[in-house]
Amino acid sequence: MSFGENEALRGVDLHLAAGEWLGLIGPNGAGKSTLLRAIAGLVAHEGTVSLAGGERPGGTDVALVPQIPILPEGMSVAEYVMLGRSPHLGWLATESRRDRSIVASVLERLELARFADRPVRQLSGGETQRVVLARALAQQAPVLLLDEPTSALDLGHRDAVLELIDKLRHDDGISVIAAMHDLGTAARFADRLALIDRGRIVADGPPRSVLAAGRLSDVYATPLSVHTVEGEIVVLPAPRSRQERRT
């Protein structure tokens, strides 16, 4: 995919199954966010993004949870989540009883109903992440795109949000493509990982096959080691030598 004079992504060929969670991993600037924005139709690009039937995805097919969401001043949680219904509304149309029912259901499902009238800028980090997710879910798109959805959260809130997404995709058959920073967390939640380096996919497959120490060390330009702890994959910096520790 080309963007202006710069080729941010090239040779990308990915397929996503219904209900599958694909994790995008790679160093900063590798092209993960760009790929998500291209799939969402937010940037002009060369190449093709298509649904199973061959058609291009529209506003009701793909929902994006951005890394840094815009939270309008003075807007309540319910009003913000209602924005997710916008792709379903006709020109100059207002929300229907069905739209309000869908928003109410999403708020209840994500345990946000008690915050419905609260301004979106008066929420904690964990609450904000759930509200942004609620807006995407109100869109009722079959494909959910997540751009570092838990980058600003502590460990407890991070796992709670990811567990919720995992439950929702199993309950509703939603397909998930998520750019993820923590490699161990990506291995824990994703069915499949795509490792991106300088705009190219250098590995694509099950987490245990993609997360090879040598490959990761080359891509991230630092020595890394891969371990299994109680059945979970953990990626750590390689131990420093004694001399390095002294200095």
C-alpha atoms as a PDB file:
ATOM      1  CA  MET A   1       0.000   0.000   0.000  1.00  0.00           C
ATOM      2  CA  SER A   2       1.396   3.400  -0.982  1.00  0.00           C
ATOM      3  CA  PHE A   3       0.607   6.693   0.731  1.00  0.00           C
ATOM      4  CA  GLY A   4       1.618   9.752  -1.248  1.00  0.00           C
ATOM      5  CA  GLU A   5       5.268   9.452  -2.213  1.00  0.00           C
ATOM      6  CA  ASN A   6       6.072   7.181   0.732  1.00  0.00           C
ATOM      7  CA  GLU A   7       5.436   3.452   0.635  1.00  0.00           C
ATOM      8  CA  ALA A   8       4.345   2.719   4.205  1.00  0.00           C
ATOM      9  CA  LEU A   9       3.226  -0.853   3.487  1.00  0.00           C
ATOM     10  CA  ARG A  10       4.099  -3.186   0.654  1.00  0.00           C
ATOM     11  CA  GLY A  11       3.415  -6.774  -0.233  1.00  0.00           C
ATOM     12  CA  VAL A  12       0.692  -7.075   2.399  1.00  0.00           C
ATOM     13  CA  ASP A  13      -1.602 -10.054   1.810  1.00  0.00           C
ATOM     14  CA  LEU A  14      -3.772 -10.997   4.787  1.00  0.00           C
ATOM     15  CA  HIS A  15      -7.003 -12.957   5.161  1.00  0.00           C
ATOM     16  CA  LEU A  16      -9.240 -12.904   8.227  1.00  0.00           C
ATOM     17  CA  ALA A  17     -11.712 -15.627   9.136  1.00  0.00           C
ATOM     18  CA  ALA A  18     -15.044 -14.936  10.815  1.00  0.00           C
ATOM     19  CA  GLY A  19     -14.578 -14.760  14.582  1.00  0.00           C
ATOM     20  CA  GLU A  20     -10.772 -14.764  14.312  1.00  0.00           C
ATOM     21  CA  TRP A  21      -8.471 -12.480  16.343  1.00  0.00           C
ATOM     22  CA  LEU A  22      -5.448 -11.337  14.331  1.00  0.00           C
ATOM     23  CA  GLY A  23      -2.763  -9.529  16.305  1.00  0.00           C
ATOM     24  CA  LEU A  24      -0.510  -7.047  14.499  1.00  0.00           C
ATOM     25  CA  ILE A  25       2.886  -6.770  16.161  1.00  0.00           C
ATOM     26  CA  GLY A  26       6.119  -5.007  15.294  1.00  0.00           C
ATOM     27  CA  PRO A  27       8.250  -2.038  16.356  1.00  0.00           C
ATOM     28  CA  ASN A  28       7.027   1.551  16.361  1.00  0.00           C
ATOM     29  CA  GLY A  29       6.682   2.888  12.832  1.00  0.00           C
ATOM     30  CA  ALA A  30       6.421  -0.576  11.281  1.00  0.00           C
ATOM     31  CA  GLY A  31       3.015   0.196   9.703  1.00  0.00           C
ATOM     32  CA  LYS A  32       0.514  -1.367  12.123  1.00  0.00           C
ATOM     33  CA  SER A  33      -1.643   1.730  12.618  1.00  0.00           C
ATOM     34  CA  THR A  34      -1.417   2.599   8.935  1.00  0.00           C
ATOM     35  CA  LEU A  35      -2.720  -0.842   8.001  1.00  0.00           C
ATOM     36  CA  LEU A  36      -5.699  -0.468  10.353  1.00  0.00           C
ATOM     37  CA  ARG A  37      -6.528   2.979   8.970  1.00  0.00           C
ATOM     38  CA  ALA A  38      -6.309   1.664   5.411  1.00  0.00           C
ATOM     39  CA  ILE A  39      -8.700  -1.186   6.220  1.00  0.00           C
ATOM     40  CA  ALA A  40     -11.077   1.345   7.779  1.00  0.00           C
ATOM     41  CA  GLY A  41     -10.916   3.476   4.620  1.00  0.00           C
ATOM     42  CA  LEU A  42      -9.436   6.475   6.434  1.00  0.00           C
ATOM     43  CA  VAL A  43      -6.389   6.899   4.193  1.00  0.00           C
ATOM     44  CA  ALA A  44      -6.008   6.755   0.428  1.00  0.00           C
ATOM     45  CA  HIS A  45      -3.979   3.750  -0.670  1.00  0.00           C
ATOM     46  CA  GLU A  46      -3.111   1.438  -3.507  1.00  0.00           C
ATOM     47  CA  GLY A  47      -4.207  -2.163  -3.169  1.00  0.00           C
ATOM     48  CA  THR A  48      -7.516  -3.802  -2.347  1.00  0.00           C
ATOM     49  CA  VAL A  49      -9.419  -4.257   0.893  1.00  0.00           C
ATOM     50  CA  SER A  50     -12.444  -6.479   0.389  1.00  0.00           C
ATOM     51  CA  LEU A  51     -15.050  -8.502   2.245  1.00  0.00           C
ATOM     52  CA  ALA A  52     -15.755 -12.197   1.666  1.00  0.00           C
ATOM     53  CA  GLY A  53     -18.068 -11.361  -1.237  1.00  0.00           C
ATOM     54  CA  GLY A  54     -15.431  -9.212  -2.922  1.00  0.00           C
ATOM     55  CA  GLU A  55     -17.045  -5.852  -2.171  1.00  0.00           C
ATOM     56  CA  ARG A  56     -15.213  -3.011  -0.433  1.00  0.00           C
ATOM     57  CA  PRO A  57     -16.126  -2.567   3.244  1.00  0.00           C
ATOM     58  CA  GLY A  58     -18.439   0.299   4.118  1.00  0.00           C
ATOM     59  CA  GLY A  59     -19.188   2.168   7.312  1.00  0.00           C
ATOM     60  CA  THR A  60     -21.378  -0.607   8.672  1.00  0.00           C
ATOM     61  CA  ASP A  61     -18.778  -3.328   8.012  1.00  0.00           C
ATOM     62  CA  VAL A  62     -15.736  -2.101   9.942  1.00  0.00           C
ATOM     63  CA  ALA A  63     -15.467  -0.328  13.311  1.00  0.00           C
ATOM     64  CA  LEU A  64     -12.212   1.272  14.475  1.00  0.00           C
ATOM     65  CA  VAL A  65     -11.137   1.882  18.069  1.00  0.00           C
ATOM     66  CA  PRO A  66      -8.317   4.452  17.677  1.00  0.00           C
ATOM     67  CA  GLN A  67      -5.267   4.653  19.877  1.00  0.00           C
ATOM     68  CA  ILE A  68      -6.040   8.250  20.860  1.00  0.00           C
ATOM     69  CA  PRO A  69      -9.814   8.847  20.621  1.00  0.00           C
ATOM     70  CA  ILE A  70     -11.288  12.319  20.270  1.00  0.00           C
ATOM     71  CA  LEU A  71     -13.624  13.009  23.192  1.00  0.00           C
ATOM     72  CA  PRO A  72     -15.809  16.048  22.429  1.00  0.00           C
ATOM     73  CA  GLU A  73     -16.213  18.629  25.168  1.00  0.00           C
ATOM     74  CA  GLY A  74     -19.622  18.531  26.860  1.00  0.00           C
ATOM     75  CA  MET A  75     -20.759  15.274  25.249  1.00  0.00           C
ATOM     76  CA  SER A  76     -22.272  12.618  27.500  1.00  0.00           C
ATOM     77  CA  VAL A  77     -21.354   8.950  27.405  1.00  0.00           C
ATOM     78  CA  ALA A  78     -24.711   8.022  25.839  1.00  0.00           C
ATOM     79  CA  GLU A  79     -24.339  10.714  23.163  1.00  0.00           C
ATOM     80  CA  TYR A  80     -20.802   9.591  22.384  1.00  0.00           C
ATOM     81  CA  VAL A  81     -21.799   5.925  22.044  1.00  0.00           C
ATOM     82  CA  MET A  82     -24.707   6.973  19.809  1.00  0.00           C
ATOM     83  CA  LEU A  83     -22.105   8.225  17.307  1.00  0.00           C
ATOM     84  CA  GLY A  84     -21.516   4.564  16.526  1.00  0.00           C
ATOM     85  CA  ARG A  85     -24.959   4.447  14.927  1.00  0.00           C
ATOM     86  CA  SER A  86     -24.091   7.223  12.446  1.00  0.00           C
ATOM     87  CA  PRO A  87     -23.218   4.861   9.534  1.00  0.00           C
ATOM     88  CA  HIS A  88     -26.719   3.363   9.799  1.00  0.00           C
ATOM     89  CA  LEU A  89     -28.552   6.694   9.615  1.00  0.00           C
ATOM     90  CA  GLY A  90     -29.679   8.280   6.367  1.00  0.00           C
ATOM     91  CA  TRP A  91     -28.840  11.819   5.344  1.00  0.00           C
ATOM     92  CA  LEU A  92     -30.071  14.262   8.009  1.00  0.00           C
ATOM     93  CA  ALA A  93     -31.854  11.398   9.779  1.00  0.00           C
ATOM     94  CA  THR A  94     -32.110  11.278  13.552  1.00  0.00           C
ATOM     95  CA  GLU A  95     -31.698   8.215  15.723  1.00  0.00           C
ATOM     96  CA  SER A  96     -34.659   5.882  15.976  1.00  0.00           C
ATOM     97  CA  ARG A  97     -36.057   3.921  18.897  1.00  0.00           C
ATOM     98  CA  ARG A  98     -34.041   0.943  17.633  1.00  0.00           C
ATOM     99  CA  ASP A  99     -30.813   2.988  17.654  1.00  0.00           C
ATOM    100  CA  ARG A 100     -31.465   4.099  21.232  1.00  0.00           C
ATOM    101  CA  SER A 101     -32.235   0.524  22.219  1.00  0.00           C
ATOM    102  CA  ILE A 102     -28.961  -0.722  20.734  1.00  0.00           C
ATOM    103  CA  VAL A 103     -26.980   1.964  22.576  1.00  0.00           C
ATOM    104  CA  ALA A 104     -28.747   1.164  25.853  1.00  0.00           C
ATOM    105  CA  SER A 105     -28.010  -2.531  25.371  1.00  0.00           C
ATOM    106  CA  VAL A 106     -24.308  -1.901  24.672  1.00  0.00           C
ATOM    107  CA  LEU A 107     -23.988   0.360  27.724  1.00  0.00           C
ATOM    108  CA  GLU A 108     -25.598  -2.300  29.881  1.00  0.00           C
ATOM    109  CA  ARG A 109     -23.421  -5.034  28.451  1.00  0.00           C
ATOM    110  CA  LEU A 110     -20.222  -3.105  29.163  1.00  0.00           C
ATOM    111  CA  GLU A 111     -21.460  -2.068  32.634  1.00  0.00           C
ATOM    112  CA  LEU A 112     -21.602   1.593  31.610  1.00  0.00           C
ATOM    113  CA  ALA A 113     -25.312   2.302  32.055  1.00  0.00           C
ATOM    114  CA  ARG A 114     -24.700   4.242  35.263  1.00  0.00           C
ATOM    115  CA  PHE A 115     -22.348   6.551  33.370  1.00  0.00           C
ATOM    116  CA  ALA A 116     -24.806   7.294  30.531  1.00  0.00           C
ATOM    117  CA  ASP A 117     -25.296  10.959  31.486  1.00  0.00           C
ATOM    118  CA  ARG A 118     -21.724  11.618  32.614  1.00  0.00           C
ATOM    119  CA  PRO A 119     -19.487  13.768  30.359  1.00  0.00           C
ATOM    120  CA  VAL A 120     -17.002  11.587  28.491  1.00  0.00           C
ATOM    121  CA  ARG A 121     -14.131  13.763  29.707  1.00  0.00           C
ATOM    122  CA  GLN A 122     -14.919  12.962  33.333  1.00  0.00           C
ATOM    123  CA  LEU A 123     -14.099   9.252  33.195  1.00  0.00           C
ATOM    124  CA  SER A 124     -11.156   7.209  34.400  1.00  0.00           C
ATOM    125  CA  GLY A 125      -8.800   5.577  31.895  1.00  0.00           C
ATOM    126  CA  GLY A 126     -10.485   2.185  32.153  1.00  0.00           C
ATOM    127  CA  GLU A 127     -13.961   3.687  31.858  1.00  0.00           C
ATOM    128  CA  THR A 128     -12.910   5.725  28.820  1.00  0.00           C
ATOM    129  CA  GLN A 129     -11.566   2.628  27.068  1.00  0.00           C
ATOM    130  CA  ARG A 130     -14.857   0.838  27.621  1.00  0.00           C
ATOM    131  CA  VAL A 131     -16.846   3.830  26.340  1.00  0.00           C
ATOM    132  CA  VAL A 132     -14.748   4.017  23.154  1.00  0.00           C
ATOM    133  CA  LEU A 133     -15.253   0.284  22.712  1.00  0.00           C
ATOM    134  CA  ALA A 134     -18.996   0.746  23.303  1.00  0.00           C
ATOM    135  CA  ARG A 135     -19.175   3.279  20.466  1.00  0.00           C
ATOM    136  CA  ALA A 136     -17.508   0.754  18.136  1.00  0.00           C
ATOM    137  CA  LEU A 137     -19.824  -2.054  19.245  1.00  0.00           C
ATOM    138  CA  ALA A 138     -22.906   0.142  18.748  1.00  0.00           C
ATOM    139  CA  GLN A 139     -21.877   0.278  15.099  1.00  0.00           C
ATOM    140  CA  GLN A 140     -22.626  -3.474  14.928  1.00  0.00           C
ATOM    141  CA  ALA A 141     -19.866  -4.074  12.393  1.00  0.00           C
ATOM    142  CA  PRO A 142     -18.647  -7.637  11.845  1.00  0.00           C
ATOM    143  CA  VAL A 143     -14.988  -6.519  11.896  1.00  0.00           C
ATOM    144  CA  LEU A 144     -13.493  -4.674  14.878  1.00  0.00           C
ATOM    145  CA  LEU A 145     -10.174  -2.840  14.454  1.00  0.00           C
ATOM    146  CA  LEU A 146      -8.210  -2.007  17.610  1.00  0.00           C
ATOM    147  CA  ASP A 147      -5.183   0.300  17.598  1.00  0.00           C
ATOM    148  CA  GLU A 148      -3.236  -0.324  20.831  1.00  0.00           C
ATOM    149  CA  PRO A 149      -6.528  -0.426  22.767  1.00  0.00           C
ATOM    150  CA  THR A 150      -4.915  -0.707  26.203  1.00  0.00           C
ATOM    151  CA  SER A 151      -1.727   1.356  25.798  1.00  0.00           C
ATOM    152  CA  ALA A 152      -2.705   3.837  28.540  1.00  0.00           C
ATOM    153  CA  LEU A 153      -4.087   1.303  31.021  1.00  0.00           C
ATOM    154  CA  ASP A 154      -2.573  -0.407  34.045  1.00  0.00           C
ATOM    155  CA  LEU A 155      -2.306  -4.206  34.127  1.00  0.00           C
ATOM    156  CA  GLY A 156      -5.672  -4.777  35.782  1.00  0.00           C
ATOM    157  CA  HIS A 157      -7.639  -2.558  33.419  1.00  0.00           C
ATOM    158  CA  ARG A 158      -5.674  -3.860  30.424  1.00  0.00           C
ATOM    159  CA  ASP A 159      -6.608  -7.479  31.018  1.00  0.00           C
ATOM    160  CA  ALA A 160     -10.220  -6.572  31.868  1.00  0.00           C
ATOM    161  CA  VAL A 161     -10.689  -4.745  28.554  1.00  0.00           C
ATOM    162  CA  LEU A 162      -9.036  -7.496  26.501  1.00  0.00           C
ATOM    163  CA  GLU A 163     -11.020 -10.228  28.266  1.00  0.00           C
ATOM    164  CA  LEU A 164     -14.189  -8.287  27.463  1.00  0.00           C
ATOM    165  CA  ILE A 165     -13.258  -7.993  23.786  1.00  0.00           C
ATOM    166  CA  ASP A 166     -12.446 -11.702  23.680  1.00  0.00           C
ATOM    167  CA  LYS A 167     -15.813 -12.585  25.213  1.00  0.00           C
ATOM    168  CA  LEU A 168     -17.703 -10.314  22.829  1.00  0.00           C
ATOM    169  CA  ARG A 169     -16.019 -11.718  19.741  1.00  0.00           C
ATOM    170  CA  HIS A 170     -16.855 -15.266  20.813  1.00  0.00           C
ATOM    171  CA  ASP A 171     -20.451 -14.356  21.737  1.00  0.00           C
ATOM    172  CA  ASP A 172     -21.143 -12.304  18.596  1.00  0.00           C
ATOM    173  CA  GLY A 173     -18.777 -13.837  16.029  1.00  0.00           C
ATOM    174  CA  ILE A 174     -16.913 -10.544  15.585  1.00  0.00           C
ATOM    175  CA  SER A 175     -13.561 -10.673  13.792  1.00  0.00           C
ATOM    176  CA  VAL A 176     -10.809  -8.659  15.491  1.00  0.00           C
ATOM    177  CA  ILE A 177      -7.643  -7.097  14.079  1.00  0.00           C
ATOM    178  CA  ALA A 178      -5.606  -5.504  16.847  1.00  0.00           C
ATOM    179  CA  ALA A 179      -2.291  -3.666  16.814  1.00  0.00           C
ATOM    180  CA  MET A 180      -0.691  -4.776  20.078  1.00  0.00           C
ATOM    181  CA  HIS A 181       2.462  -3.586  21.807  1.00  0.00           C
ATOM    182  CA  ASP A 182       2.989  -6.272  24.458  1.00  0.00           C
ATOM    183  CA  LEU A 183       4.044  -9.488  22.723  1.00  0.00           C
ATOM    184  CA  GLY A 184       3.059 -11.806  25.562  1.00  0.00           C
ATOM    185  CA  THR A 185      -0.408 -10.265  25.736  1.00  0.00           C
ATOM    186  CA  ALA A 186      -0.749 -10.537  21.972  1.00  0.00           C
ATOM    187  CA  ALA A 187       0.133 -14.237  22.167  1.00  0.00           C
ATOM    188  CA  ARG A 188      -2.383 -14.755  24.942  1.00  0.00           C
ATOM    189  CA  PHE A 189      -5.400 -13.284  23.165  1.00  0.00           C
ATOM    190  CA  ALA A 190      -4.774 -13.551  19.407  1.00  0.00           C
ATOM    191  CA  ASP A 191      -5.423 -16.706  17.393  1.00  0.00           C
ATOM    192  CA  ARG A 192      -2.826 -15.549  14.889  1.00  0.00           C
ATOM    193  CA  LEU A 193      -0.043 -12.974  14.770  1.00  0.00           C
ATOM    194  CA  ALA A 194       1.320 -10.961  11.854  1.00  0.00           C
ATOM    195  CA  LEU A 195       4.784  -9.515  12.519  1.00  0.00           C
ATOM    196  CA  ILE A 196       5.363  -6.314  10.545  1.00  0.00           C
ATOM    197  CA  ASP A 197       8.788  -4.784   9.976  1.00  0.00           C
ATOM    198  CA  ARG A 198       9.335  -1.650   7.902  1.00  0.00           C
ATOM    199  CA  GLY A 199       6.064  -2.078   6.069  1.00  0.00           C
ATOM    200  CA  ARG A 200       6.420  -5.771   5.265  1.00  0.00           C
ATOM    201  CA  ILE A 201       4.898  -8.820   6.917  1.00  0.00           C
ATOM    202  CA  VAL A 202       7.877 -10.969   7.895  1.00  0.00           C
ATOM    203  CA  ALA A 203       5.898 -13.697   9.700  1.00  0.00           C
ATOM    204  CA  ASP A 204       2.230 -14.714   9.879  1.00  0.00           C
ATOM    205  CA  GLY A 205       0.866 -17.654  11.826  1.00  0.00           C
ATOM    206  CA  PRO A 206       0.151 -19.083  15.286  1.00  0.00           C
ATOM    207  CA  PRO A 207       1.797 -17.111  18.118  1.00  0.00           C
ATOM    208  CA  ARG A 208       4.275 -19.868  19.000  1.00  0.00           C
ATOM    209  CA  SER A 209       5.606 -20.029  15.450  1.00  0.00           C
ATOM    210  CA  VAL A 210       5.827 -16.248  14.958  1.00  0.00           C
ATOM    211  CA  LEU A 211       7.419 -15.428  18.307  1.00  0.00           C
ATOM    212  CA  ALA A 212      10.842 -16.909  17.645  1.00  0.00           C
ATOM    213  CA  ALA A 213      13.646 -15.298  19.659  1.00  0.00           C
ATOM    214  CA  GLY A 214      16.034 -14.837  16.743  1.00  0.00           C
ATOM    215  CA  ARG A 215      13.408 -13.324  14.475  1.00  0.00           C
ATOM    216  CA  LEU A 216      12.140 -10.962  17.164  1.00  0.00           C
ATOM    217  CA  SER A 217      15.663  -9.878  18.063  1.00  0.00           C
ATOM    218  CA  ASP A 218      16.324  -8.974  14.421  1.00  0.00           C
ATOM    219  CA  VAL A 219      13.045  -7.078  13.957  1.00  0.00           C
ATOM    220  CA  TYR A 220      13.185  -5.178  17.264  1.00  0.00           C
ATOM    221  CA  ALA A 221      16.957  -4.635  16.971  1.00  0.00           C
ATOM    222  CA  THR A 222      17.630  -5.828  20.523  1.00  0.00           C
ATOM    223  CA  PRO A 223      18.364  -9.255  22.031  1.00  0.00           C
ATOM    224  CA  LEU A 224      15.125 -10.909  23.146  1.00  0.00           C
ATOM    225  CA  SER A 225      14.348 -14.283  24.682  1.00  0.00           C
ATOM    226  CA  VAL A 226      11.097 -16.257  24.545  1.00  0.00           C
ATOM    227  CA  HIS A 227       9.893 -18.377  27.465  1.00  0.00           C
ATOM    228  CA  THR A 228       6.839 -20.405  28.438  1.00  0.00           C
ATOM    229  CA  VAL A 229       5.566 -19.727  31.969  1.00  0.00           C
ATOM    230  CA  GLU A 230       2.581 -21.781  33.148  1.00  0.00           C
ATOM    231  CA  GLY A 231       1.575 -22.347  29.548  1.00  0.00           C
ATOM    232  CA  GLU A 232       1.789 -18.664  28.557  1.00  0.00           C
ATOM    233  CA  ILE A 233       4.372 -17.163  26.190  1.00  0.00           C
ATOM    234  CA  VAL A 234       6.581 -14.480  27.739  1.00  0.00           C
ATOM    235  CA  VAL A 235       9.021 -12.348  25.724  1.00  0.00           C
ATOM    236  CA  LEU A 236      11.823 -10.720  27.712  1.00  0.00           C
ATOM    237  CA  PRO A 237      15.021  -8.794  27.006  1.00  0.00           C
ATOM    238  CA  ALA A 238      17.952 -11.185  26.933  1.00  0.00           C
ATOM    239  CA  PRO A 239      19.929 -11.191  30.229  1.00  0.00           C
ATOM    240  CA  ARG A 240      22.704  -8.654  30.381  1.00  0.00           C
ATOM    241  CA  SER A 241      26.256  -9.806  31.010  1.00  0.00           C
ATOM    242  CA  ARG A 242      27.851  -9.198  34.396  1.00  0.00           C
ATOM    243  CA  GLN A 243      30.092  -6.528  32.880  1.00  0.00           C
ATOM    244  CA  GLU A 244      27.058  -4.654  31.499  1.00  0.00           C
ATOM    245  CA  ARG A 245      25.443  -4.798  34.953  1.00  0.00           C
ATOM    246  CA  ARG A 246      28.499  -3.252  36.564  1.00  0.00           C
ATOM    247  CA  THR A 247      28.498  -0.351  34.153  1.00  0.00           C
END
